[in-house]
Each structure stands twice: as structure tokens, then as C-alpha cells.
Amino acid sequence: MEMEMVSQLIDQFGMDVMRFCRKLTFCSEDAQDLYQQTFLKLMELRVAIRKEENPRAFLFSIANGIWKNECRKLRRRARIAPSISISRMQEENEQIQDSADTQSQVLEQMQQEELRRAVEQLEPKYKTPIILMYTFGMKVEEIAKIEHLPQATVKTRLRRARQKLKTEMEERGYGI
């Protein structure tokens, strides 16, 4: 793939790809790595991307594939030697220190944080469709292309993910 074409794709879809990476990883350093890996992989693939074939979804598909591989590696490594993300703990502490607003805003932020944590704990097969639908407003058809799955499977995963999130939030004391 030509460097000029990659540059155009970065200009046009780079922000969306970065947002997607952040939603998948929940860590800015990991998101930056995933973002860079996505465009490196695009250059390695040397494919011609036509605008009428939804290049944004193609880029999301590349990022999603890389992320799934990374998750598999992390799960294997976690069985051997569990670890904790220091940067994630620092980000959470900064968010708590920065928010000294009214009680309702704090409660809303706490609920959003609990929901974010619940989404983060979902299995990747449930997390990715939820992020694509509710963060990026994608339709089931687009998600199916990105995930390389039938639409019915995507619908089932979305339904199960919503059920899991509802149950998790109710267990945490939030009625959704």
C-alpha cells in the first residue's frame, strides 16, 4: 500500500480508529500501540482499499484482529504469572481527584465508571460488538463484517452482552 494512501486513511479515519483502540484497551498506552500496529499491518497487507467498500470498517477489523491476538497472549501469560496495570490505576486515581462537582454528577460518574468496568470485564467476543454499536453507532451488518461473523451471531452476542451488563450492574447496586 502506498504511503500516500495510508496517510489519507489516517487523516480521514485516524481519530475513529484511535477511539476504537481506546475503547478496546481501556489504557491510553495500549491504545496507542494498537493504533500503530493497525496502520503497520495495513501497510504490510498491501491491499487496495476502495472508498465504496467502507475503509473505516476495514481498519476497525484490522485493529480488532490484532487486539484479539493480544488478548489471547495476555490470557496465556496471566495463567503463568498474573500482573496488574499500574498505568490503569494511576488513570483511575486522576479521574477521582479531578472530579469535585455536585453529588449527582459524582454519582453519575461512578455509575459510568462501574459500567465501563463491567464492559471491560466482558469476554472479547461480547465486548467488541458492544463497543462498536454503542460507541461508534455501527449497525449489526457493519459489526458482522468487522468480526467476520453472521449477523445472527452478532445479534446474539449483543443480546447476551446486554444481559451480562444488566446483571452485573444490578449486582453492583445500580438499577438499569
N, C-alpha and C. Protein backbone atom coordinates (compact mmCIF):
# COMPACT_ATOMS: atom_id res chain seq x y z
N MET A 1 0.84 -1.17 0.00
CA MET A 1 0.00 0.00 0.00
C MET A 1 0.89 1.23 0.00
N GLU A 2 0.50 2.21 -0.77
CA GLU A 2 1.28 3.44 -0.89
C GLU A 2 1.20 4.25 0.40
N MET A 3 2.30 4.90 0.71
CA MET A 3 2.36 5.71 1.92
C MET A 3 1.34 6.85 1.85
N GLU A 4 1.11 7.39 0.65
CA GLU A 4 0.15 8.48 0.48
C GLU A 4 -1.26 8.02 0.83
N MET A 5 -1.61 6.80 0.40
CA MET A 5 -2.93 6.25 0.70
C MET A 5 -3.10 6.03 2.20
N VAL A 6 -2.07 5.50 2.85
CA VAL A 6 -2.12 5.29 4.30
C VAL A 6 -2.28 6.63 5.00
N SER A 7 -1.57 7.64 4.53
CA SER A 7 -1.67 8.98 5.11
C SER A 7 -3.09 9.53 4.98
N GLN A 8 -3.71 9.30 3.84
CA GLN A 8 -5.10 9.75 3.64
C GLN A 8 -6.05 9.02 4.59
N LEU A 9 -5.83 7.72 4.75
CA LEU A 9 -6.68 6.96 5.66
C LEU A 9 -6.50 7.42 7.10
N ILE A 10 -5.27 7.74 7.48
CA ILE A 10 -5.02 8.26 8.83
C ILE A 10 -5.73 9.58 9.01
N ASP A 11 -5.63 10.47 8.01
CA ASP A 11 -6.30 11.76 8.10
C ASP A 11 -7.81 11.60 8.21
N GLN A 12 -8.36 10.69 7.43
CA GLN A 12 -9.81 10.54 7.37
C GLN A 12 -10.38 9.73 8.53
N PHE A 13 -9.70 8.65 8.93
CA PHE A 13 -10.27 7.73 9.91
C PHE A 13 -9.41 7.54 11.16
N GLY A 14 -8.29 8.22 11.24
CA GLY A 14 -7.37 8.03 12.35
C GLY A 14 -7.99 8.27 13.72
N MET A 15 -8.78 9.31 13.86
CA MET A 15 -9.40 9.62 15.15
C MET A 15 -10.39 8.52 15.55
N ASP A 16 -11.16 8.03 14.60
CA ASP A 16 -12.10 6.94 14.90
C ASP A 16 -11.36 5.68 15.30
N VAL A 17 -10.29 5.37 14.59
CA VAL A 17 -9.51 4.18 14.91
C VAL A 17 -8.91 4.32 16.31
N MET A 18 -8.41 5.49 16.64
CA MET A 18 -7.84 5.71 17.97
C MET A 18 -8.90 5.57 19.06
N ARG A 19 -10.09 6.14 18.82
CA ARG A 19 -11.17 5.99 19.80
C ARG A 19 -11.53 4.53 19.98
N PHE A 20 -11.59 3.79 18.88
CA PHE A 20 -11.90 2.36 18.95
C PHE A 20 -10.83 1.63 19.75
N CYS A 21 -9.58 1.95 19.50
CA CYS A 21 -8.47 1.33 20.23
C CYS A 21 -8.57 1.63 21.73
N ARG A 22 -8.92 2.87 22.07
CA ARG A 22 -9.06 3.23 23.49
C ARG A 22 -10.20 2.46 24.14
N LYS A 23 -11.29 2.30 23.42
CA LYS A 23 -12.44 1.58 23.99
C LYS A 23 -12.13 0.10 24.16
N LEU A 24 -11.34 -0.46 23.27
CA LEU A 24 -10.97 -1.86 23.40
C LEU A 24 -10.01 -2.09 24.55
N THR A 25 -9.02 -1.21 24.68
CA THR A 25 -7.94 -1.45 25.63
C THR A 25 -8.17 -0.84 27.01
N PHE A 26 -8.91 0.26 27.10
CA PHE A 26 -9.12 0.98 28.35
C PHE A 26 -7.81 1.46 28.95
N CYS A 27 -6.80 1.67 28.12
CA CYS A 27 -5.49 2.13 28.58
C CYS A 27 -4.86 2.92 27.44
N SER A 28 -4.49 4.18 27.70
CA SER A 28 -4.02 5.03 26.61
C SER A 28 -2.72 4.52 25.97
N GLU A 29 -1.80 3.96 26.77
CA GLU A 29 -0.56 3.45 26.17
C GLU A 29 -0.84 2.25 25.27
N ASP A 30 -1.70 1.34 25.75
CA ASP A 30 -2.05 0.18 24.93
C ASP A 30 -2.81 0.60 23.68
N ALA A 31 -3.65 1.62 23.81
CA ALA A 31 -4.41 2.11 22.66
C ALA A 31 -3.47 2.68 21.60
N GLN A 32 -2.46 3.42 22.03
CA GLN A 32 -1.50 3.97 21.07
C GLN A 32 -0.74 2.85 20.36
N ASP A 33 -0.35 1.84 21.11
CA ASP A 33 0.33 0.70 20.49
C ASP A 33 -0.56 0.00 19.48
N LEU A 34 -1.81 -0.24 19.85
CA LEU A 34 -2.75 -0.90 18.96
C LEU A 34 -3.00 -0.06 17.70
N TYR A 35 -3.11 1.24 17.88
CA TYR A 35 -3.31 2.16 16.75
C TYR A 35 -2.14 2.05 15.76
N GLN A 36 -0.93 2.09 16.28
CA GLN A 36 0.25 2.00 15.42
C GLN A 36 0.34 0.64 14.74
N GLN A 37 0.05 -0.42 15.48
CA GLN A 37 0.08 -1.76 14.91
C GLN A 37 -0.95 -1.90 13.79
N THR A 38 -2.10 -1.24 13.95
CA THR A 38 -3.15 -1.31 12.94
C THR A 38 -2.66 -0.75 11.61
N PHE A 39 -2.04 0.41 11.64
CA PHE A 39 -1.60 1.02 10.39
C PHE A 39 -0.34 0.34 9.84
N LEU A 40 0.48 -0.22 10.72
CA LEU A 40 1.61 -1.01 10.23
C LEU A 40 1.12 -2.26 9.51
N LYS A 41 0.12 -2.91 10.10
CA LYS A 41 -0.46 -4.10 9.48
C LYS A 41 -1.09 -3.75 8.14
N LEU A 42 -1.74 -2.60 8.06
CA LEU A 42 -2.33 -2.15 6.81
C LEU A 42 -1.27 -2.01 5.73
N MET A 43 -0.13 -1.46 6.11
CA MET A 43 0.96 -1.31 5.13
C MET A 43 1.53 -2.66 4.74
N GLU A 44 1.60 -3.60 5.67
CA GLU A 44 2.10 -4.94 5.37
C GLU A 44 1.16 -5.70 4.43
N LEU A 45 -0.14 -5.47 4.59
CA LEU A 45 -1.12 -6.21 3.79
C LEU A 45 -1.06 -5.86 2.30
N ARG A 46 -0.69 -4.64 2.01
CA ARG A 46 -0.59 -4.18 0.62
C ARG A 46 -1.87 -4.45 -0.17
N VAL A 47 -2.99 -4.06 0.40
CA VAL A 47 -4.27 -4.23 -0.27
C VAL A 47 -4.76 -2.89 -0.79
N ALA A 48 -5.54 -2.95 -1.83
CA ALA A 48 -6.15 -1.73 -2.38
C ALA A 48 -7.48 -1.53 -1.67
N ILE A 49 -7.65 -0.37 -1.08
CA ILE A 49 -8.88 -0.06 -0.37
C ILE A 49 -9.66 0.96 -1.19
N ARG A 50 -10.88 0.58 -1.52
CA ARG A 50 -11.76 1.49 -2.26
C ARG A 50 -12.73 2.13 -1.28
N LYS A 51 -13.01 3.40 -1.51
CA LYS A 51 -13.87 4.15 -0.59
C LYS A 51 -15.27 3.55 -0.50
N GLU A 52 -15.76 2.94 -1.56
CA GLU A 52 -17.11 2.38 -1.54
C GLU A 52 -17.19 1.07 -0.75
N GLU A 53 -16.06 0.54 -0.29
CA GLU A 53 -16.04 -0.70 0.48
C GLU A 53 -15.87 -0.47 1.97
N ASN A 54 -16.16 0.72 2.46
CA ASN A 54 -16.13 1.07 3.88
C ASN A 54 -14.74 0.86 4.49
N PRO A 55 -13.79 1.73 4.17
CA PRO A 55 -12.43 1.60 4.71
C PRO A 55 -12.37 1.71 6.24
N ARG A 56 -13.30 2.46 6.83
CA ARG A 56 -13.33 2.59 8.29
C ARG A 56 -13.56 1.23 8.94
N ALA A 57 -14.52 0.49 8.43
CA ALA A 57 -14.80 -0.84 8.97
C ALA A 57 -13.61 -1.78 8.75
N PHE A 58 -12.93 -1.63 7.62
CA PHE A 58 -11.75 -2.45 7.35
C PHE A 58 -10.65 -2.17 8.37
N LEU A 59 -10.43 -0.90 8.70
CA LEU A 59 -9.42 -0.53 9.70
C LEU A 59 -9.82 -1.05 11.08
N PHE A 60 -11.11 -0.95 11.42
CA PHE A 60 -11.58 -1.49 12.68
C PHE A 60 -11.35 -3.00 12.73
N SER A 61 -11.56 -3.66 11.61
CA SER A 61 -11.37 -5.11 11.54
C SER A 61 -9.91 -5.48 11.79
N ILE A 62 -9.00 -4.71 11.24
CA ILE A 62 -7.57 -4.96 11.47
C ILE A 62 -7.25 -4.77 12.95
N ALA A 63 -7.71 -3.65 13.52
CA ALA A 63 -7.44 -3.37 14.94
C ALA A 63 -8.04 -4.45 15.82
N ASN A 64 -9.25 -4.86 15.50
CA ASN A 64 -9.93 -5.89 16.29
C ASN A 64 -9.17 -7.22 16.23
N GLY A 65 -8.69 -7.59 15.07
CA GLY A 65 -7.92 -8.82 14.93
C GLY A 65 -6.64 -8.79 15.74
N ILE A 66 -5.93 -7.68 15.68
CA ILE A 66 -4.71 -7.53 16.47
C ILE A 66 -5.04 -7.60 17.96
N TRP A 67 -6.11 -6.93 18.37
CA TRP A 67 -6.50 -6.91 19.78
C TRP A 67 -6.85 -8.31 20.27
N LYS A 68 -7.59 -9.06 19.47
CA LYS A 68 -7.95 -10.43 19.87
C LYS A 68 -6.71 -11.28 20.07
N ASN A 69 -5.73 -11.13 19.17
CA ASN A 69 -4.48 -11.88 19.32
C ASN A 69 -3.75 -11.48 20.59
N GLU A 70 -3.72 -10.19 20.89
CA GLU A 70 -3.07 -9.71 22.11
C GLU A 70 -3.77 -10.24 23.35
N CYS A 71 -5.10 -10.28 23.32
CA CYS A 71 -5.85 -10.80 24.47
C CYS A 71 -5.53 -12.26 24.71
N ARG A 72 -5.43 -13.02 23.62
CA ARG A 72 -5.08 -14.44 23.77
C ARG A 72 -3.71 -14.59 24.42
N LYS A 73 -2.75 -13.78 23.97
CA LYS A 73 -1.41 -13.83 24.55
C LYS A 73 -1.45 -13.47 26.03
N LEU A 74 -2.20 -12.42 26.36
CA LEU A 74 -2.27 -11.99 27.76
C LEU A 74 -2.92 -13.03 28.65
N ARG A 75 -3.95 -13.70 28.14
CA ARG A 75 -4.59 -14.75 28.94
C ARG A 75 -3.63 -15.90 29.19
N ARG A 76 -2.85 -16.28 28.18
CA ARG A 76 -1.85 -17.34 28.37
C ARG A 76 -0.82 -16.93 29.40
N ARG A 77 -0.34 -15.68 29.29
CA ARG A 77 0.67 -15.20 30.23
C ARG A 77 0.10 -15.05 31.64
N ALA A 78 -1.17 -14.64 31.76
CA ALA A 78 -1.78 -14.45 33.07
C ALA A 78 -1.90 -15.77 33.82
N ARG A 79 -2.06 -16.86 33.09
CA ARG A 79 -2.12 -18.16 33.75
C ARG A 79 -0.77 -18.50 34.37
N ILE A 80 0.29 -18.01 33.74
CA ILE A 80 1.63 -18.30 34.23
C ILE A 80 2.03 -17.33 35.34
N ALA A 81 1.85 -16.01 35.09
CA ALA A 81 2.25 -15.00 36.07
C ALA A 81 1.28 -13.82 36.01
N PRO A 82 0.30 -13.76 36.90
CA PRO A 82 -0.66 -12.64 36.91
C PRO A 82 0.04 -11.31 37.19
N SER A 83 -0.52 -10.22 36.61
CA SER A 83 0.05 -8.88 36.81
C SER A 83 -1.06 -7.86 36.94
N ILE A 84 -0.69 -6.62 37.33
CA ILE A 84 -1.65 -5.53 37.46
C ILE A 84 -1.13 -4.34 36.68
N SER A 85 -2.04 -3.57 36.08
CA SER A 85 -1.66 -2.42 35.27
C SER A 85 -1.52 -1.18 36.15
N ILE A 86 -0.31 -0.71 36.34
CA ILE A 86 -0.05 0.47 37.15
C ILE A 86 -0.62 1.71 36.48
N SER A 87 -0.47 1.80 35.16
CA SER A 87 -0.97 2.99 34.46
C SER A 87 -2.48 3.10 34.59
N ARG A 88 -3.19 1.98 34.57
CA ARG A 88 -4.65 2.00 34.71
C ARG A 88 -5.04 2.50 36.10
N MET A 89 -4.31 2.07 37.13
CA MET A 89 -4.59 2.53 38.49
C MET A 89 -4.33 4.03 38.60
N GLN A 90 -3.27 4.52 37.96
CA GLN A 90 -2.97 5.95 38.00
C GLN A 90 -4.05 6.76 37.31
N GLU A 91 -4.54 6.28 36.16
CA GLU A 91 -5.60 6.98 35.44
C GLU A 91 -6.86 7.07 36.29
N GLU A 92 -7.23 6.00 36.96
CA GLU A 92 -8.42 5.99 37.80
C GLU A 92 -8.27 6.96 38.96
N ASN A 93 -7.08 7.01 39.57
CA ASN A 93 -6.86 7.95 40.67
C ASN A 93 -6.94 9.39 40.21
N GLU A 94 -6.42 9.70 39.02
CA GLU A 94 -6.50 11.06 38.47
C GLU A 94 -7.94 11.46 38.22
N GLN A 95 -8.75 10.54 37.71
CA GLN A 95 -10.15 10.84 37.45
C GLN A 95 -10.88 11.16 38.75
N ILE A 96 -10.58 10.41 39.80
CA ILE A 96 -11.24 10.65 41.09
C ILE A 96 -10.83 12.00 41.65
N GLN A 97 -9.55 12.37 41.55
CA GLN A 97 -9.06 13.63 42.09
C GLN A 97 -9.60 14.82 41.31
N ASP A 98 -9.78 14.67 40.00
CA ASP A 98 -10.23 15.78 39.16
C ASP A 98 -11.72 16.08 39.31
N SER A 99 -12.51 15.15 39.84
CA SER A 99 -13.96 15.34 39.89
C SER A 99 -14.42 15.72 41.28
N ALA A 100 -14.60 17.03 41.48
CA ALA A 100 -15.10 17.51 42.77
C ALA A 100 -16.35 18.35 42.52
N ASP A 101 -17.29 17.81 41.74
CA ASP A 101 -18.50 18.52 41.39
C ASP A 101 -19.63 18.17 42.35
N THR A 102 -20.84 18.43 41.91
CA THR A 102 -22.00 18.15 42.75
C THR A 102 -22.20 16.66 42.95
N GLN A 103 -23.02 16.33 43.93
CA GLN A 103 -23.24 14.93 44.29
C GLN A 103 -23.85 14.15 43.14
N SER A 104 -24.78 14.71 42.40
CA SER A 104 -25.41 13.98 41.30
C SER A 104 -24.42 13.70 40.17
N GLN A 105 -23.53 14.65 39.91
CA GLN A 105 -22.51 14.42 38.88
C GLN A 105 -21.53 13.33 39.32
N VAL A 106 -21.20 13.33 40.58
CA VAL A 106 -20.28 12.31 41.10
C VAL A 106 -20.94 10.93 41.02
N LEU A 107 -22.20 10.85 41.40
CA LEU A 107 -22.92 9.58 41.33
C LEU A 107 -23.03 9.09 39.88
N GLU A 108 -23.31 10.01 38.97
CA GLU A 108 -23.39 9.66 37.55
C GLU A 108 -22.04 9.15 37.05
N GLN A 109 -20.99 9.82 37.45
CA GLN A 109 -19.65 9.40 37.05
C GLN A 109 -19.31 8.02 37.64
N MET A 110 -19.72 7.78 38.86
CA MET A 110 -19.47 6.48 39.48
C MET A 110 -20.21 5.37 38.73
N GLN A 111 -21.45 5.66 38.34
CA GLN A 111 -22.21 4.67 37.59
C GLN A 111 -21.56 4.41 36.23
N GLN A 112 -21.12 5.46 35.56
CA GLN A 112 -20.44 5.30 34.28
C GLN A 112 -19.16 4.50 34.43
N GLU A 113 -18.43 4.76 35.51
CA GLU A 113 -17.19 4.03 35.76
C GLU A 113 -17.47 2.54 36.03
N GLU A 114 -18.51 2.27 36.79
CA GLU A 114 -18.90 0.88 37.05
C GLU A 114 -19.30 0.19 35.75
N LEU A 115 -20.03 0.90 34.91
CA LEU A 115 -20.43 0.33 33.62
C LEU A 115 -19.20 0.08 32.75
N ARG A 116 -18.26 1.03 32.75
CA ARG A 116 -17.02 0.86 31.98
C ARG A 116 -16.27 -0.38 32.46
N ARG A 117 -16.19 -0.54 33.77
CA ARG A 117 -15.51 -1.72 34.33
C ARG A 117 -16.23 -3.00 33.96
N ALA A 118 -17.56 -2.94 33.98
CA ALA A 118 -18.34 -4.12 33.61
C ALA A 118 -18.11 -4.48 32.14
N VAL A 119 -18.06 -3.46 31.27
CA VAL A 119 -17.78 -3.70 29.85
C VAL A 119 -16.37 -4.26 29.70
N GLU A 120 -15.44 -3.69 30.44
CA GLU A 120 -14.04 -4.14 30.35
C GLU A 120 -13.90 -5.61 30.75
N GLN A 121 -14.74 -6.09 31.66
CA GLN A 121 -14.64 -7.46 32.13
C GLN A 121 -15.34 -8.46 31.20
N LEU A 122 -16.10 -7.95 30.23
CA LEU A 122 -16.75 -8.86 29.29
C LEU A 122 -15.71 -9.61 28.48
N GLU A 123 -16.07 -10.81 28.05
CA GLU A 123 -15.20 -11.55 27.14
C GLU A 123 -15.09 -10.75 25.84
N PRO A 124 -13.96 -10.82 25.15
CA PRO A 124 -13.79 -10.05 23.91
C PRO A 124 -14.90 -10.27 22.88
N LYS A 125 -15.44 -11.47 22.81
CA LYS A 125 -16.49 -11.72 21.82
C LYS A 125 -17.76 -10.94 22.15
N TYR A 126 -17.95 -10.51 23.39
CA TYR A 126 -19.09 -9.68 23.76
C TYR A 126 -18.72 -8.20 23.81
N LYS A 127 -17.50 -7.92 24.23
CA LYS A 127 -17.07 -6.53 24.41
C LYS A 127 -17.00 -5.78 23.08
N THR A 128 -16.40 -6.39 22.07
CA THR A 128 -16.21 -5.69 20.79
C THR A 128 -17.52 -5.26 20.15
N PRO A 129 -18.53 -6.14 20.03
CA PRO A 129 -19.79 -5.67 19.43
C PRO A 129 -20.46 -4.55 20.23
N ILE A 130 -20.39 -4.62 21.57
CA ILE A 130 -20.98 -3.57 22.41
C ILE A 130 -20.30 -2.23 22.13
N ILE A 131 -18.98 -2.23 22.07
CA ILE A 131 -18.23 -1.00 21.82
C ILE A 131 -18.56 -0.46 20.43
N LEU A 132 -18.56 -1.33 19.44
CA LEU A 132 -18.83 -0.87 18.07
C LEU A 132 -20.23 -0.30 17.94
N MET A 133 -21.21 -0.92 18.59
CA MET A 133 -22.59 -0.43 18.45
C MET A 133 -22.82 0.84 19.25
N TYR A 134 -22.44 0.84 20.52
CA TYR A 134 -22.82 1.95 21.39
C TYR A 134 -21.84 3.12 21.39
N THR A 135 -20.60 2.89 21.02
CA THR A 135 -19.64 3.99 20.96
C THR A 135 -19.54 4.56 19.55
N PHE A 136 -19.55 3.67 18.56
CA PHE A 136 -19.34 4.12 17.19
C PHE A 136 -20.61 4.10 16.36
N GLY A 137 -21.73 3.71 16.94
CA GLY A 137 -23.01 3.75 16.26
C GLY A 137 -23.09 2.85 15.03
N MET A 138 -22.34 1.78 15.05
CA MET A 138 -22.35 0.88 13.89
C MET A 138 -23.58 -0.01 13.93
N LYS A 139 -23.99 -0.41 12.75
CA LYS A 139 -25.13 -1.31 12.61
C LYS A 139 -24.63 -2.75 12.70
N VAL A 140 -25.57 -3.65 12.91
CA VAL A 140 -25.25 -5.06 13.04
C VAL A 140 -24.50 -5.55 11.80
N GLU A 141 -24.90 -5.09 10.62
CA GLU A 141 -24.25 -5.53 9.38
C GLU A 141 -22.77 -5.15 9.37
N GLU A 142 -22.47 -3.93 9.80
CA GLU A 142 -21.08 -3.48 9.82
C GLU A 142 -20.27 -4.27 10.85
N ILE A 143 -20.86 -4.51 12.01
CA ILE A 143 -20.18 -5.27 13.06
C ILE A 143 -19.90 -6.68 12.56
N ALA A 144 -20.85 -7.26 11.87
CA ALA A 144 -20.68 -8.62 11.33
C ALA A 144 -19.50 -8.67 10.37
N LYS A 145 -19.34 -7.65 9.54
CA LYS A 145 -18.19 -7.61 8.62
C LYS A 145 -16.88 -7.50 9.38
N ILE A 146 -16.85 -6.64 10.38
CA ILE A 146 -15.63 -6.44 11.16
C ILE A 146 -15.24 -7.71 11.90
N GLU A 147 -16.23 -8.36 12.49
CA GLU A 147 -15.99 -9.56 13.29
C GLU A 147 -15.89 -10.83 12.44
N HIS A 148 -16.23 -10.72 11.16
CA HIS A 148 -16.24 -11.88 10.26
C HIS A 148 -17.20 -12.95 10.80
N LEU A 149 -18.40 -12.51 11.13
CA LEU A 149 -19.42 -13.40 11.70
C LEU A 149 -20.76 -13.16 10.99
N PRO A 150 -21.66 -14.13 11.05
CA PRO A 150 -23.01 -13.90 10.56
C PRO A 150 -23.73 -12.86 11.42
N GLN A 151 -24.67 -12.15 10.83
CA GLN A 151 -25.41 -11.12 11.55
C GLN A 151 -26.15 -11.70 12.75
N ALA A 152 -26.70 -12.89 12.60
CA ALA A 152 -27.44 -13.51 13.71
C ALA A 152 -26.53 -13.74 14.91
N THR A 153 -25.29 -14.11 14.66
CA THR A 153 -24.34 -14.32 15.76
C THR A 153 -24.05 -13.00 16.47
N VAL A 154 -23.89 -11.92 15.69
CA VAL A 154 -23.65 -10.60 16.28
C VAL A 154 -24.84 -10.19 17.13
N LYS A 155 -26.04 -10.38 16.63
CA LYS A 155 -27.25 -10.04 17.40
C LYS A 155 -27.30 -10.83 18.70
N THR A 156 -26.98 -12.11 18.63
CA THR A 156 -26.99 -12.95 19.83
C THR A 156 -25.95 -12.46 20.83
N ARG A 157 -24.77 -12.14 20.35
CA ARG A 157 -23.71 -11.66 21.26
C ARG A 157 -24.08 -10.33 21.89
N LEU A 158 -24.71 -9.44 21.11
CA LEU A 158 -25.15 -8.16 21.66
C LEU A 158 -26.19 -8.38 22.75
N ARG A 159 -27.14 -9.26 22.49
CA ARG A 159 -28.19 -9.54 23.47
C ARG A 159 -27.58 -10.12 24.75
N ARG A 160 -26.68 -11.09 24.60
CA ARG A 160 -26.05 -11.70 25.77
C ARG A 160 -25.18 -10.69 26.53
N ALA A 161 -24.49 -9.84 25.79
CA ALA A 161 -23.65 -8.82 26.44
C ALA A 161 -24.52 -7.87 27.25
N ARG A 162 -25.63 -7.44 26.68
CA ARG A 162 -26.54 -6.54 27.42
C ARG A 162 -27.08 -7.23 28.67
N GLN A 163 -27.42 -8.51 28.54
CA GLN A 163 -27.91 -9.25 29.70
C GLN A 163 -26.83 -9.33 30.78
N LYS A 164 -25.60 -9.65 30.38
CA LYS A 164 -24.50 -9.74 31.34
C LYS A 164 -24.26 -8.39 32.02
N LEU A 165 -24.29 -7.31 31.24
CA LEU A 165 -24.08 -5.97 31.81
C LEU A 165 -25.20 -5.60 32.77
N LYS A 166 -26.43 -5.92 32.40
CA LYS A 166 -27.57 -5.62 33.27
C LYS A 166 -27.43 -6.37 34.60
N THR A 167 -27.12 -7.65 34.52
CA THR A 167 -26.96 -8.45 35.73
C THR A 167 -25.82 -7.92 36.59
N GLU A 168 -24.70 -7.61 35.96
CA GLU A 168 -23.53 -7.10 36.68
C GLU A 168 -23.84 -5.77 37.37
N MET A 169 -24.52 -4.87 36.66
CA MET A 169 -24.83 -3.56 37.24
C MET A 169 -25.85 -3.69 38.38
N GLU A 170 -26.80 -4.61 38.25
CA GLU A 170 -27.76 -4.83 39.33
C GLU A 170 -27.05 -5.39 40.56
N GLU A 171 -26.07 -6.29 40.35
CA GLU A 171 -25.31 -6.83 41.46
C GLU A 171 -24.48 -5.75 42.16
N ARG A 172 -24.09 -4.73 41.42
CA ARG A 172 -23.31 -3.63 41.98
C ARG A 172 -24.20 -2.56 42.62
N GLY A 173 -25.52 -2.78 42.55
CA GLY A 173 -26.43 -1.85 43.22
C GLY A 173 -27.03 -0.79 42.33
N TYR A 174 -26.90 -0.93 41.02
CA TYR A 174 -27.46 0.03 40.08
C TYR A 174 -28.62 -0.62 39.35
N GLY A 175 -29.75 0.02 39.34
CA GLY A 175 -30.90 -0.49 38.58
C GLY A 175 -30.90 0.11 37.20
N ILE A 176 -30.64 -0.71 36.20
CA ILE A 176 -30.60 -0.20 34.82
C ILE A 176 -31.80 -0.68 34.08
